[in-house]
Amino acid sequence: MATIGTLKLLETYVFTSNKPSRVKYETYTDGSTLTAELTIYRINPIGVQSRDVIALIASPNHPEFARDEAREHFRQNYA
């Protein structure tokens, strides 16, 4: 039998650019790590383009650093 962990939603950030139109980062913790679930929204055609999950380096004890990490990930990959 498998154990299913529980994730706690910490924050949601939305960054915008011309392509893709918006990327939403939802940061979660399981108590020992931080992850971010990404949802990429497109304008044309309208809708969800893709979803992904990334592991964040920020400590779960300092989730305030997750925003900076998400912003940098957005700049490197989508801006």
N, C-alpha and C. Protein backbone atom coordinates (compact mmCIF):
# COMPACT_ATOMS: atom_id res chain seq x y z
N MET A 1 0.83 -1.16 0.00
CA MET A 1 0.00 0.00 0.00
C MET A 1 0.89 1.24 0.00
N ALA A 2 0.52 2.22 -0.79
CA ALA A 2 1.31 3.44 -0.92
C ALA A 2 0.84 4.50 0.07
N THR A 3 1.79 5.31 0.52
CA THR A 3 1.47 6.45 1.37
C THR A 3 1.33 7.68 0.50
N ILE A 4 0.25 8.41 0.69
CA ILE A 4 0.02 9.62 -0.09
C ILE A 4 0.33 10.81 0.81
N GLY A 5 1.27 11.65 0.35
CA GLY A 5 1.66 12.83 1.12
C GLY A 5 0.67 13.96 0.96
N THR A 6 0.77 14.92 1.84
CA THR A 6 -0.09 16.09 1.79
C THR A 6 0.75 17.32 1.47
N LEU A 7 0.29 18.10 0.52
CA LEU A 7 0.97 19.35 0.16
C LEU A 7 0.14 20.52 0.65
N LYS A 8 0.84 21.54 1.13
CA LYS A 8 0.17 22.76 1.59
C LYS A 8 0.48 23.88 0.60
N LEU A 9 -0.56 24.51 0.05
CA LEU A 9 -0.39 25.63 -0.86
C LEU A 9 0.07 26.83 -0.06
N LEU A 10 1.21 27.41 -0.45
CA LEU A 10 1.76 28.57 0.25
C LEU A 10 1.38 29.88 -0.42
N GLU A 11 1.70 30.01 -1.69
CA GLU A 11 1.47 31.26 -2.42
C GLU A 11 1.19 30.95 -3.89
N THR A 12 0.55 31.91 -4.55
CA THR A 12 0.33 31.83 -6.00
C THR A 12 0.86 33.12 -6.61
N TYR A 13 1.67 32.97 -7.65
CA TYR A 13 2.24 34.12 -8.36
C TYR A 13 1.88 34.00 -9.83
N VAL A 14 1.56 35.11 -10.48
CA VAL A 14 1.28 35.12 -11.91
C VAL A 14 2.20 36.15 -12.55
N PHE A 15 2.97 35.70 -13.53
CA PHE A 15 3.88 36.58 -14.28
C PHE A 15 3.38 36.64 -15.72
N THR A 16 3.53 37.79 -16.36
CA THR A 16 3.03 37.97 -17.72
C THR A 16 4.14 38.37 -18.67
N SER A 17 3.97 38.01 -19.91
CA SER A 17 4.86 38.42 -21.01
C SER A 17 4.09 38.29 -22.30
N ASN A 18 4.71 38.63 -23.41
CA ASN A 18 4.05 38.51 -24.71
C ASN A 18 3.84 37.07 -25.12
N LYS A 19 4.77 36.21 -24.81
CA LYS A 19 4.64 34.79 -25.12
C LYS A 19 5.30 33.95 -24.06
N PRO A 20 4.69 33.12 -23.34
CA PRO A 20 3.24 32.96 -23.31
C PRO A 20 2.60 34.15 -22.62
N SER A 21 1.32 34.24 -22.63
CA SER A 21 0.69 35.42 -22.07
C SER A 21 0.80 35.48 -20.55
N ARG A 22 0.60 34.33 -19.87
CA ARG A 22 0.70 34.30 -18.41
C ARG A 22 1.26 32.95 -17.96
N VAL A 23 2.06 32.99 -16.90
CA VAL A 23 2.53 31.76 -16.26
C VAL A 23 2.20 31.88 -14.79
N LYS A 24 1.44 30.92 -14.29
CA LYS A 24 1.05 30.90 -12.88
C LYS A 24 1.93 29.90 -12.14
N TYR A 25 2.52 30.35 -11.05
CA TYR A 25 3.34 29.51 -10.18
C TYR A 25 2.58 29.33 -8.87
N GLU A 26 2.26 28.11 -8.50
CA GLU A 26 1.66 27.82 -7.21
C GLU A 26 2.71 27.08 -6.40
N THR A 27 3.14 27.67 -5.29
CA THR A 27 4.19 27.05 -4.49
C THR A 27 3.57 26.22 -3.37
N TYR A 28 4.13 25.04 -3.18
CA TYR A 28 3.64 24.07 -2.20
C TYR A 28 4.79 23.58 -1.33
N THR A 29 4.45 23.11 -0.14
CA THR A 29 5.42 22.45 0.71
C THR A 29 4.81 21.17 1.27
N ASP A 30 5.67 20.18 1.46
CA ASP A 30 5.25 18.96 2.16
C ASP A 30 5.90 18.91 3.54
N GLY A 31 6.52 20.03 3.93
CA GLY A 31 7.19 20.12 5.21
C GLY A 31 8.69 19.97 5.11
N SER A 32 9.17 19.32 4.04
CA SER A 32 10.62 19.13 3.90
C SER A 32 11.17 19.75 2.61
N THR A 33 10.32 19.98 1.60
CA THR A 33 10.76 20.58 0.35
C THR A 33 9.71 21.57 -0.16
N LEU A 34 10.15 22.43 -1.07
CA LEU A 34 9.24 23.34 -1.76
C LEU A 34 9.18 22.96 -3.22
N THR A 35 7.99 22.98 -3.78
CA THR A 35 7.81 22.75 -5.21
C THR A 35 6.92 23.85 -5.76
N ALA A 36 6.97 24.03 -7.06
CA ALA A 36 6.10 24.98 -7.73
C ALA A 36 5.42 24.27 -8.89
N GLU A 37 4.11 24.39 -8.94
CA GLU A 37 3.35 23.86 -10.07
C GLU A 37 3.11 25.02 -11.02
N LEU A 38 3.52 24.86 -12.28
CA LEU A 38 3.38 25.91 -13.28
C LEU A 38 2.21 25.59 -14.19
N THR A 39 1.43 26.61 -14.50
CA THR A 39 0.39 26.51 -15.51
C THR A 39 0.65 27.63 -16.51
N ILE A 40 0.81 27.26 -17.77
CA ILE A 40 1.12 28.24 -18.81
C ILE A 40 -0.14 28.49 -19.62
N TYR A 41 -0.58 29.75 -19.62
CA TYR A 41 -1.79 30.15 -20.34
C TYR A 41 -1.39 30.91 -21.60
N ARG A 42 -2.04 30.60 -22.70
CA ARG A 42 -1.80 31.28 -23.98
C ARG A 42 -3.00 32.15 -24.35
N ILE A 43 -2.74 33.22 -25.11
CA ILE A 43 -3.81 34.08 -25.59
C ILE A 43 -4.40 33.51 -26.87
N ASN A 44 -3.53 33.09 -27.79
CA ASN A 44 -4.00 32.64 -29.08
C ASN A 44 -3.31 31.34 -29.47
N PRO A 45 -3.96 30.21 -29.47
CA PRO A 45 -5.35 30.02 -29.10
C PRO A 45 -5.49 30.11 -27.59
N ILE A 46 -6.62 30.59 -27.14
CA ILE A 46 -6.83 30.82 -25.72
C ILE A 46 -6.93 29.50 -24.97
N GLY A 47 -6.36 29.46 -23.78
CA GLY A 47 -6.46 28.27 -22.96
C GLY A 47 -5.14 27.90 -22.31
N VAL A 48 -5.15 26.74 -21.67
CA VAL A 48 -3.96 26.24 -20.99
C VAL A 48 -3.05 25.57 -22.03
N GLN A 49 -1.81 26.02 -22.08
CA GLN A 49 -0.84 25.44 -23.00
C GLN A 49 -0.21 24.19 -22.41
N SER A 50 0.27 24.31 -21.17
CA SER A 50 0.91 23.16 -20.54
C SER A 50 1.00 23.37 -19.03
N ARG A 51 1.37 22.28 -18.36
CA ARG A 51 1.56 22.30 -16.91
C ARG A 51 2.87 21.60 -16.62
N ASP A 52 3.50 21.99 -15.51
CA ASP A 52 4.77 21.39 -15.13
C ASP A 52 4.96 21.57 -13.62
N VAL A 53 5.85 20.81 -13.05
CA VAL A 53 6.20 20.93 -11.65
C VAL A 53 7.72 21.04 -11.56
N ILE A 54 8.20 22.02 -10.78
CA ILE A 54 9.65 22.16 -10.58
C ILE A 54 9.95 22.13 -9.09
N ALA A 55 11.11 21.61 -8.76
CA ALA A 55 11.59 21.62 -7.37
C ALA A 55 12.29 22.96 -7.13
N LEU A 56 12.02 23.58 -6.01
CA LEU A 56 12.65 24.84 -5.67
C LEU A 56 13.79 24.60 -4.69
N ILE A 57 14.80 25.46 -4.77
CA ILE A 57 15.97 25.34 -3.92
C ILE A 57 15.70 25.96 -2.54
N ALA A 58 14.80 26.93 -2.49
CA ALA A 58 14.51 27.64 -1.24
C ALA A 58 14.12 26.66 -0.13
N SER A 59 14.53 26.99 1.06
CA SER A 59 14.22 26.15 2.23
C SER A 59 12.75 26.28 2.61
N PRO A 60 12.12 25.18 3.02
CA PRO A 60 10.74 25.28 3.49
C PRO A 60 10.61 26.17 4.73
N ASN A 61 11.73 26.40 5.42
CA ASN A 61 11.73 27.30 6.57
C ASN A 61 11.70 28.76 6.16
N HIS A 62 12.01 29.03 4.88
CA HIS A 62 12.02 30.40 4.35
C HIS A 62 11.28 30.43 3.01
N PRO A 63 9.98 30.18 3.01
CA PRO A 63 9.23 30.15 1.75
C PRO A 63 9.15 31.51 1.06
N GLU A 64 9.51 32.59 1.77
CA GLU A 64 9.49 33.91 1.14
C GLU A 64 10.49 34.01 -0.01
N PHE A 65 11.51 33.15 -0.03
CA PHE A 65 12.49 33.15 -1.11
C PHE A 65 11.97 32.44 -2.35
N ALA A 66 10.86 31.73 -2.24
CA ALA A 66 10.29 31.01 -3.38
C ALA A 66 9.84 31.98 -4.47
N ARG A 67 9.36 33.16 -4.08
CA ARG A 67 8.92 34.15 -5.08
C ARG A 67 10.08 34.58 -5.96
N ASP A 68 11.22 34.87 -5.35
CA ASP A 68 12.39 35.27 -6.14
C ASP A 68 12.81 34.15 -7.08
N GLU A 69 12.77 32.94 -6.58
CA GLU A 69 13.16 31.79 -7.40
C GLU A 69 12.19 31.57 -8.56
N ALA A 70 10.89 31.73 -8.30
CA ALA A 70 9.89 31.61 -9.36
C ALA A 70 10.06 32.72 -10.39
N ARG A 71 10.31 33.94 -9.93
CA ARG A 71 10.52 35.06 -10.86
C ARG A 71 11.73 34.82 -11.75
N GLU A 72 12.82 34.32 -11.17
CA GLU A 72 14.02 34.04 -11.96
C GLU A 72 13.77 32.91 -12.96
N HIS A 73 13.04 31.89 -12.55
CA HIS A 73 12.69 30.80 -13.47
C HIS A 73 11.88 31.34 -14.64
N PHE A 74 10.91 32.23 -14.36
CA PHE A 74 10.10 32.84 -15.41
C PHE A 74 10.97 33.65 -16.37
N ARG A 75 11.86 34.47 -15.84
CA ARG A 75 12.73 35.29 -16.69
C ARG A 75 13.61 34.43 -17.60
N GLN A 76 14.13 33.35 -17.07
CA GLN A 76 15.02 32.49 -17.85
C GLN A 76 14.29 31.67 -18.91
N ASN A 77 13.03 31.36 -18.66
CA ASN A 77 12.34 30.42 -19.55
C ASN A 77 11.18 31.00 -20.35
N TYR A 78 10.57 32.09 -19.90
CA TYR A 78 9.35 32.55 -20.56
C TYR A 78 9.31 34.04 -20.90
N ALA A 79 10.16 34.85 -20.32
CA ALA A 79 10.10 36.30 -20.56
C ALA A 79 10.77 36.66 -21.88
